[in-house]
């Protein structure tokens, strides 16, 4: 893809309307609530279960704040 085509595609996909802003704000609020509930669930676990997961209690905040790896299992099959 050329630079001009990429720039055109990015500006077309960027939504600067009120609905775009509301959508982004809703996604951020959802992610914040999900991160808070994940942290609470991990904090409630005993240390031996956290050790089974491969994390320590001091790493809970870091592990739940990573944005590169998805934390949901919607796309995973059992």
PDB file of N, CA and C in Angstrom:
ATOM      1  N   UNK A   1       0.854  -1.168   0.000  1.00  0.00           N
ATOM      2  CA  UNK A   1       0.000   0.000   0.000  1.00  0.00           C
ATOM      3  C   UNK A   1       0.902   1.233   0.000  1.00  0.00           C
ATOM      4  N   UNK A   2       0.600   2.159  -0.850  1.00  0.00           N
ATOM      5  CA  UNK A   2       1.409   3.374  -0.929  1.00  0.00           C
ATOM      6  C   UNK A   2       1.111   4.281   0.252  1.00  0.00           C
ATOM      7  N   UNK A   3       2.007   5.224   0.463  1.00  0.00           N
ATOM      8  CA  UNK A   3       1.829   6.151   1.572  1.00  0.00           C
ATOM      9  C   UNK A   3       0.562   6.975   1.398  1.00  0.00           C
ATOM     10  N   UNK A   4       0.283   7.411   0.181  1.00  0.00           N
ATOM     11  CA  UNK A   4      -0.917   8.206  -0.076  1.00  0.00           C
ATOM     12  C   UNK A   4      -2.179   7.384   0.192  1.00  0.00           C
ATOM     13  N   UNK A   5      -2.187   6.135  -0.254  1.00  0.00           N
ATOM     14  CA  UNK A   5      -3.360   5.298  -0.032  1.00  0.00           C
ATOM     15  C   UNK A   5      -3.539   5.011   1.453  1.00  0.00           C
ATOM     16  N   UNK A   6      -2.439   4.777   2.165  1.00  0.00           N
ATOM     17  CA  UNK A   6      -2.518   4.512   3.593  1.00  0.00           C
ATOM     18  C   UNK A   6      -3.047   5.732   4.337  1.00  0.00           C
ATOM     19  N   UNK A   7      -2.553   6.917   3.977  1.00  0.00           N
ATOM     20  CA  UNK A   7      -3.005   8.150   4.616  1.00  0.00           C
ATOM     21  C   UNK A   7      -4.485   8.379   4.357  1.00  0.00           C
ATOM     22  N   UNK A   8      -4.917   8.142   3.129  1.00  0.00           N
ATOM     23  CA  UNK A   8      -6.326   8.311   2.792  1.00  0.00           C
ATOM     24  C   UNK A   8      -7.186   7.326   3.578  1.00  0.00           C
ATOM     25  N   UNK A   9      -6.724   6.092   3.686  1.00  0.00           N
ATOM     26  CA  UNK A   9      -7.475   5.079   4.420  1.00  0.00           C
ATOM     27  C   UNK A   9      -7.547   5.419   5.906  1.00  0.00           C
ATOM     28  N   UNK A  10      -6.441   5.890   6.498  1.00  0.00           N
ATOM     29  CA  UNK A  10      -6.431   6.233   7.914  1.00  0.00           C
ATOM     30  C   UNK A  10      -7.337   7.414   8.215  1.00  0.00           C
ATOM     31  N   UNK A  11      -7.327   8.428   7.355  1.00  0.00           N
ATOM     32  CA  UNK A  11      -8.180   9.591   7.612  1.00  0.00           C
ATOM     33  C   UNK A  11      -9.644   9.249   7.393  1.00  0.00           C
ATOM     34  N   UNK A  12      -9.912   8.341   6.492  1.00  0.00           N
ATOM     35  CA  UNK A  12     -11.291   7.934   6.267  1.00  0.00           C
ATOM     36  C   UNK A  12     -11.805   7.110   7.443  1.00  0.00           C
ATOM     37  N   UNK A  13     -10.924   6.271   8.025  1.00  0.00           N
ATOM     38  CA  UNK A  13     -11.373   5.423   9.123  1.00  0.00           C
ATOM     39  C   UNK A  13     -11.413   6.173  10.446  1.00  0.00           C
ATOM     40  N   UNK A  14     -10.694   7.287  10.567  1.00  0.00           N
ATOM     41  CA  UNK A  14     -10.730   8.067  11.806  1.00  0.00           C
ATOM     42  C   UNK A  14     -12.066   8.785  11.880  1.00  0.00           C
ATOM     43  N   UNK A  15     -12.803   8.523  12.939  1.00  0.00           N
ATOM     44  CA  UNK A  15     -14.140   9.081  13.089  1.00  0.00           C
ATOM     45  C   UNK A  15     -14.083  10.212  14.108  1.00  0.00           C
ATOM     46  N   UNK A  16     -14.266  11.435  13.638  1.00  0.00           N
ATOM     47  CA  UNK A  16     -14.191  12.599  14.507  1.00  0.00           C
ATOM     48  C   UNK A  16     -15.571  13.111  14.898  1.00  0.00           C
ATOM     49  N   UNK A  17     -16.584  12.315  14.679  1.00  0.00           N
ATOM     50  CA  UNK A  17     -17.933  12.746  15.006  1.00  0.00           C
ATOM     51  C   UNK A  17     -18.223  12.491  16.486  1.00  0.00           C
ATOM     52  N   UNK A  18     -19.356  12.953  16.931  1.00  0.00           N
ATOM     53  CA  UNK A  18     -19.782  12.750  18.307  1.00  0.00           C
ATOM     54  C   UNK A  18     -19.972  11.266  18.603  1.00  0.00           C
ATOM     55  N   UNK A  19     -20.517  10.526  17.631  1.00  0.00           N
ATOM     56  CA  UNK A  19     -20.722   9.088  17.828  1.00  0.00           C
ATOM     57  C   UNK A  19     -19.397   8.357  17.956  1.00  0.00           C
ATOM     58  N   UNK A  20     -18.392   8.782  17.189  1.00  0.00           N
ATOM     59  CA  UNK A  20     -17.073   8.175  17.309  1.00  0.00           C
ATOM     60  C   UNK A  20     -16.466   8.425  18.675  1.00  0.00           C
ATOM     61  N   UNK A  21     -16.634   9.635  19.180  1.00  0.00           N
ATOM     62  CA  UNK A  21     -16.119   9.978  20.508  1.00  0.00           C
ATOM     63  C   UNK A  21     -16.817   9.172  21.589  1.00  0.00           C
ATOM     64  N   UNK A  22     -18.130   9.047  21.480  1.00  0.00           N
ATOM     65  CA  UNK A  22     -18.897   8.290  22.469  1.00  0.00           C
ATOM     66  C   UNK A  22     -18.501   6.815  22.421  1.00  0.00           C
ATOM     67  N   UNK A  23     -18.285   6.291  21.237  1.00  0.00           N
ATOM     68  CA  UNK A  23     -17.876   4.894  21.100  1.00  0.00           C
ATOM     69  C   UNK A  23     -16.515   4.635  21.734  1.00  0.00           C
ATOM     70  N   UNK A  24     -15.566   5.536  21.479  1.00  0.00           N
ATOM     71  CA  UNK A  24     -14.230   5.389  22.079  1.00  0.00           C
ATOM     72  C   UNK A  24     -14.303   5.520  23.586  1.00  0.00           C
ATOM     73  N   UNK A  25     -15.093   6.447  24.086  1.00  0.00           N
ATOM     74  CA  UNK A  25     -15.237   6.621  25.535  1.00  0.00           C
ATOM     75  C   UNK A  25     -15.879   5.391  26.165  1.00  0.00           C
ATOM     76  N   UNK A  26     -16.858   4.802  25.498  1.00  0.00           N
ATOM     77  CA  UNK A  26     -17.510   3.603  26.020  1.00  0.00           C
ATOM     78  C   UNK A  26     -16.531   2.427  26.051  1.00  0.00           C
ATOM     79  N   UNK A  27     -15.708   2.283  24.997  1.00  0.00           N
ATOM     80  CA  UNK A  27     -14.719   1.209  24.978  1.00  0.00           C
ATOM     81  C   UNK A  27     -13.692   1.387  26.086  1.00  0.00           C
ATOM     82  N   UNK A  28     -13.241   2.622  26.298  1.00  0.00           N
ATOM     83  CA  UNK A  28     -12.281   2.876  27.375  1.00  0.00           C
ATOM     84  C   UNK A  28     -12.885   2.586  28.742  1.00  0.00           C
ATOM     85  N   UNK A  29     -14.131   2.966  28.946  1.00  0.00           N
ATOM     86  CA  UNK A  29     -14.800   2.696  30.218  1.00  0.00           C
ATOM     87  C   UNK A  29     -14.958   1.195  30.430  1.00  0.00           C
ATOM     88  N   UNK A  30     -15.307   0.467  29.373  1.00  0.00           N
ATOM     89  CA  UNK A  30     -15.458  -0.981  29.470  1.00  0.00           C
ATOM     90  C   UNK A  30     -14.129  -1.639  29.822  1.00  0.00           C
ATOM     91  N   UNK A  31     -13.051  -1.209  29.155  1.00  0.00           N
ATOM     92  CA  UNK A  31     -11.729  -1.778  29.433  1.00  0.00           C
ATOM     93  C   UNK A  31     -11.288  -1.480  30.862  1.00  0.00           C
ATOM     94  N   UNK A  32     -11.590  -0.285  31.356  1.00  0.00           N
ATOM     95  CA  UNK A  32     -11.215   0.071  32.731  1.00  0.00           C
ATOM     96  C   UNK A  32     -11.980  -0.779  33.731  1.00  0.00           C
ATOM     97  N   UNK A  33     -13.270  -0.990  33.494  1.00  0.00           N
ATOM     98  CA  UNK A  33     -14.066  -1.821  34.401  1.00  0.00           C
ATOM     99  C   UNK A  33     -13.595  -3.270  34.358  1.00  0.00           C
ATOM    100  N   UNK A  34     -13.254  -3.755  33.178  1.00  0.00           N
ATOM    101  CA  UNK A  34     -12.779  -5.127  33.037  1.00  0.00           C
ATOM    102  C   UNK A  34     -11.436  -5.303  33.737  1.00  0.00           C
ATOM    103  N   UNK A  35     -10.538  -4.335  33.585  1.00  0.00           N
ATOM    104  CA  UNK A  35      -9.242  -4.401  34.235  1.00  0.00           C
ATOM    105  C   UNK A  35      -9.411  -4.394  35.756  1.00  0.00           C
ATOM    106  N   UNK A  36     -10.321  -3.569  36.249  1.00  0.00           N
ATOM    107  CA  UNK A  36     -10.570  -3.503  37.688  1.00  0.00           C
ATOM    108  C   UNK A  36     -11.122  -4.827  38.214  1.00  0.00           C
ATOM    109  N   UNK A  37     -12.021  -5.458  37.474  1.00  0.00           N
ATOM    110  CA  UNK A  37     -12.581  -6.731  37.933  1.00  0.00           C
ATOM    111  C   UNK A  37     -11.549  -7.850  37.853  1.00  0.00           C
ATOM    112  N   UNK A  38     -10.675  -7.831  36.833  1.00  0.00           N
ATOM    113  CA  UNK A  38      -9.606  -8.829  36.744  1.00  0.00           C
ATOM    114  C   UNK A  38      -8.647  -8.682  37.918  1.00  0.00           C
ATOM    115  N   UNK A  39      -8.304  -7.451  38.259  1.00  0.00           N
ATOM    116  CA  UNK A  39      -7.414  -7.222  39.400  1.00  0.00           C
ATOM    117  C   UNK A  39      -8.053  -7.697  40.697  1.00  0.00           C
ATOM    118  N   UNK A  40      -9.326  -7.422  40.867  1.00  0.00           N
ATOM    119  CA  UNK A  40     -10.014  -7.848  42.090  1.00  0.00           C
ATOM    120  C   UNK A  40     -10.066  -9.372  42.181  1.00  0.00           C
ATOM    121  N   UNK A  41     -10.303 -10.034  41.056  1.00  0.00           N
ATOM    122  CA  UNK A  41     -10.358 -11.491  41.058  1.00  0.00           C
ATOM    123  C   UNK A  41      -8.997 -12.086  41.399  1.00  0.00           C
ATOM    124  N   UNK A  42      -7.935 -11.518  40.835  1.00  0.00           N
ATOM    125  CA  UNK A  42      -6.601 -12.024  41.132  1.00  0.00           C
ATOM    126  C   UNK A  42      -6.195 -11.721  42.568  1.00  0.00           C
ATOM    127  N   UNK A  43      -6.564 -10.553  43.083  1.00  0.00           N
ATOM    128  CA  UNK A  43      -6.243 -10.209  44.471  1.00  0.00           C
ATOM    129  C   UNK A  43      -6.957 -11.145  45.445  1.00  0.00           C
ATOM    130  N   UNK A  44      -8.121 -11.651  45.073  1.00  0.00           N
ATOM    131  CA  UNK A  44      -8.883 -12.534  45.953  1.00  0.00           C
ATOM    132  C   UNK A  44      -8.326 -13.955  45.974  1.00  0.00           C
ATOM    133  N   UNK A  45      -7.469 -14.294  45.002  1.00  0.00           N
ATOM    134  CA  UNK A  45      -6.903 -15.645  44.944  1.00  0.00           C
ATOM    135  C   UNK A  45      -5.833 -15.834  46.006  1.00  0.00           C
ATOM    136  N   UNK A  46      -5.741 -17.052  46.541  1.00  0.00           N
ATOM    137  CA  UNK A  46      -4.638 -17.335  47.462  1.00  0.00           C
ATOM    138  C   UNK A  46      -3.306 -17.404  46.701  1.00  0.00           C
ATOM    139  N   UNK A  47      -2.219 -17.279  47.439  1.00  0.00           N
ATOM    140  CA  UNK A  47      -0.896 -17.213  46.819  1.00  0.00           C
ATOM    141  C   UNK A  47      -0.539 -18.478  46.035  1.00  0.00           C
ATOM    142  N   UNK A  48      -0.978 -19.643  46.487  1.00  0.00           N
ATOM    143  CA  UNK A  48      -0.611 -20.863  45.767  1.00  0.00           C
ATOM    144  C   UNK A  48      -1.284 -20.928  44.389  1.00  0.00           C
ATOM    145  N   UNK A  49      -2.477 -20.362  44.247  1.00  0.00           N
ATOM    146  CA  UNK A  49      -3.114 -20.319  42.930  1.00  0.00           C
ATOM    147  C   UNK A  49      -2.426 -19.316  42.013  1.00  0.00           C
ATOM    148  N   UNK A  50      -2.016 -18.181  42.576  1.00  0.00           N
ATOM    149  CA  UNK A  50      -1.272 -17.211  41.773  1.00  0.00           C
ATOM    150  C   UNK A  50       0.045 -17.823  41.299  1.00  0.00           C
ATOM    151  N   UNK A  51       0.680 -18.606  42.160  1.00  0.00           N
ATOM    152  CA  UNK A  51       1.930 -19.263  41.780  1.00  0.00           C
ATOM    153  C   UNK A  51       1.678 -20.251  40.646  1.00  0.00           C
ATOM    154  N   UNK A  52       0.546 -20.957  40.667  1.00  0.00           N
ATOM    155  CA  UNK A  52       0.188 -21.866  39.580  1.00  0.00           C
ATOM    156  C   UNK A  52       0.010 -21.111  38.259  1.00  0.00           C
ATOM    157  N   UNK A  53      -0.470 -19.874  38.338  1.00  0.00           N
ATOM    158  CA  UNK A  53      -0.634 -19.047  37.141  1.00  0.00           C
ATOM    159  C   UNK A  53       0.695 -18.462  36.661  1.00  0.00           C
ATOM    160  N   UNK A  54       1.691 -18.499  37.543  1.00  0.00           N
ATOM    161  CA  UNK A  54       3.005 -17.995  37.164  1.00  0.00           C
ATOM    162  C   UNK A  54       3.217 -16.532  37.487  1.00  0.00           C
ATOM    163  N   UNK A  55       2.421 -15.981  38.382  1.00  0.00           N
ATOM    164  CA  UNK A  55       2.599 -14.588  38.779  1.00  0.00           C
ATOM    165  C   UNK A  55       2.633 -14.492  40.294  1.00  0.00           C
ATOM    166  N   UNK A  56       3.222 -13.425  40.776  1.00  0.00           N
ATOM    167  CA  UNK A  56       3.206 -13.165  42.211  1.00  0.00           C
ATOM    168  C   UNK A  56       2.211 -12.039  42.478  1.00  0.00           C
ATOM    169  N   UNK A  57       1.891 -11.854  43.736  1.00  0.00           N
ATOM    170  CA  UNK A  57       0.922 -10.824  44.104  1.00  0.00           C
ATOM    171  C   UNK A  57       1.382  -9.429  43.670  1.00  0.00           C
ATOM    172  N   UNK A  58       2.700  -9.207  43.686  1.00  0.00           N
ATOM    173  CA  UNK A  58       3.215  -7.894  43.302  1.00  0.00           C
ATOM    174  C   UNK A  58       3.133  -7.651  41.794  1.00  0.00           C
ATOM    175  N   UNK A  59       2.905  -8.691  40.997  1.00  0.00           N
ATOM    176  CA  UNK A  59       2.825  -8.555  39.536  1.00  0.00           C
ATOM    177  C   UNK A  59       1.398  -8.422  39.017  1.00  0.00           C
ATOM    178  N   UNK A  60       0.411  -8.451  39.881  1.00  0.00           N
ATOM    179  CA  UNK A  60      -0.986  -8.430  39.443  1.00  0.00           C
ATOM    180  C   UNK A  60      -1.300  -7.165  38.651  1.00  0.00           C
ATOM    181  N   UNK A  61      -0.905  -6.015  39.168  1.00  0.00           N
ATOM    182  CA  UNK A  61      -1.212  -4.763  38.471  1.00  0.00           C
ATOM    183  C   UNK A  61      -0.552  -4.725  37.090  1.00  0.00           C
ATOM    184  N   UNK A  62       0.682  -5.176  37.009  1.00  0.00           N
ATOM    185  CA  UNK A  62       1.383  -5.176  35.721  1.00  0.00           C
ATOM    186  C   UNK A  62       0.715  -6.138  34.739  1.00  0.00           C
ATOM    187  N   UNK A  63       0.398  -7.334  35.200  1.00  0.00           N
ATOM    188  CA  UNK A  63      -0.183  -8.347  34.313  1.00  0.00           C
ATOM    189  C   UNK A  63      -1.558  -7.952  33.790  1.00  0.00           C
ATOM    190  N   UNK A  64      -2.307  -7.212  34.568  1.00  0.00           N
ATOM    191  CA  UNK A  64      -3.639  -6.809  34.106  1.00  0.00           C
ATOM    192  C   UNK A  64      -3.613  -5.516  33.307  1.00  0.00           C
ATOM    193  N   UNK A  65      -2.483  -4.816  33.279  1.00  0.00           N
ATOM    194  CA  UNK A  65      -2.426  -3.569  32.530  1.00  0.00           C
ATOM    195  C   UNK A  65      -1.762  -3.729  31.170  1.00  0.00           C
ATOM    196  N   UNK A  66      -1.319  -4.923  30.814  1.00  0.00           N
ATOM    197  CA  UNK A  66      -0.696  -5.150  29.514  1.00  0.00           C
ATOM    198  C   UNK A  66      -1.762  -5.009  28.436  1.00  0.00           C
ATOM    199  N   UNK A  67      -1.509  -4.161  27.471  1.00  0.00           N
ATOM    200  CA  UNK A  67      -2.490  -3.915  26.410  1.00  0.00           C
ATOM    201  C   UNK A  67      -2.186  -4.694  25.141  1.00  0.00           C
ATOM    202  N   UNK A  68      -1.018  -5.289  25.047  1.00  0.00           N
ATOM    203  CA  UNK A  68      -0.654  -6.005  23.833  1.00  0.00           C
ATOM    204  C   UNK A  68      -1.352  -7.354  23.732  1.00  0.00           C
ATOM    205  N   UNK A  69      -1.472  -8.051  24.836  1.00  0.00           N
ATOM    206  CA  UNK A  69      -2.106  -9.362  24.832  1.00  0.00           C
ATOM    207  C   UNK A  69      -3.559  -9.233  25.248  1.00  0.00           C
ATOM    208  N   UNK A  70      -4.494  -9.792  24.469  1.00  0.00           N
ATOM    209  CA  UNK A  70      -5.906  -9.719  24.871  1.00  0.00           C
ATOM    210  C   UNK A  70      -6.142 -10.560  26.112  1.00  0.00           C
ATOM    211  N   UNK A  71      -6.971 -10.058  27.000  1.00  0.00           N
ATOM    212  CA  UNK A  71      -7.230 -10.762  28.254  1.00  0.00           C
ATOM    213  C   UNK A  71      -8.537 -11.538  28.204  1.00  0.00           C
ATOM    214  N   UNK A  72      -9.314 -11.348  27.144  1.00  0.00           N
ATOM    215  CA  UNK A  72     -10.581 -12.068  27.071  1.00  0.00           C
ATOM    216  C   UNK A  72     -10.387 -13.372  26.306  1.00  0.00           C
ATOM    217  N   UNK A  73     -11.273 -14.311  26.521  1.00  0.00           N
ATOM    218  CA  UNK A  73     -11.176 -15.617  25.884  1.00  0.00           C
ATOM    219  C   UNK A  73     -12.322 -15.843  24.912  1.00  0.00           C
ATOM    220  N   UNK A  74     -12.861 -14.783  24.339  1.00  0.00           N
ATOM    221  CA  UNK A  74     -13.996 -14.919  23.428  1.00  0.00           C
ATOM    222  C   UNK A  74     -13.643 -15.733  22.187  1.00  0.00           C
ATOM    223  N   UNK A  75     -12.438 -15.569  21.688  1.00  0.00           N
ATOM    224  CA  UNK A  75     -12.048 -16.245  20.455  1.00  0.00           C
ATOM    225  C   UNK A  75     -11.473 -17.625  20.672  1.00  0.00           C
ATOM    226  N   UNK A  76     -11.365 -18.059  21.909  1.00  0.00           N
ATOM    227  CA  UNK A  76     -10.758 -19.351  22.178  1.00  0.00           C
ATOM    228  C   UNK A  76     -11.827 -20.429  22.284  1.00  0.00           C
ATOM    229  N   UNK A  77     -11.531 -21.591  21.740  1.00  0.00           N
ATOM    230  CA  UNK A  77     -12.475 -22.700  21.832  1.00  0.00           C
ATOM    231  C   UNK A  77     -12.039 -23.640  22.934  1.00  0.00           C
ATOM    232  N   UNK A  78     -12.985 -24.323  23.533  1.00  0.00           N
ATOM    233  CA  UNK A  78     -12.695 -25.255  24.631  1.00  0.00           C
ATOM    234  C   UNK A  78     -12.366 -26.626  24.119  1.00  0.00           C
TER     235      UNK A  78
END
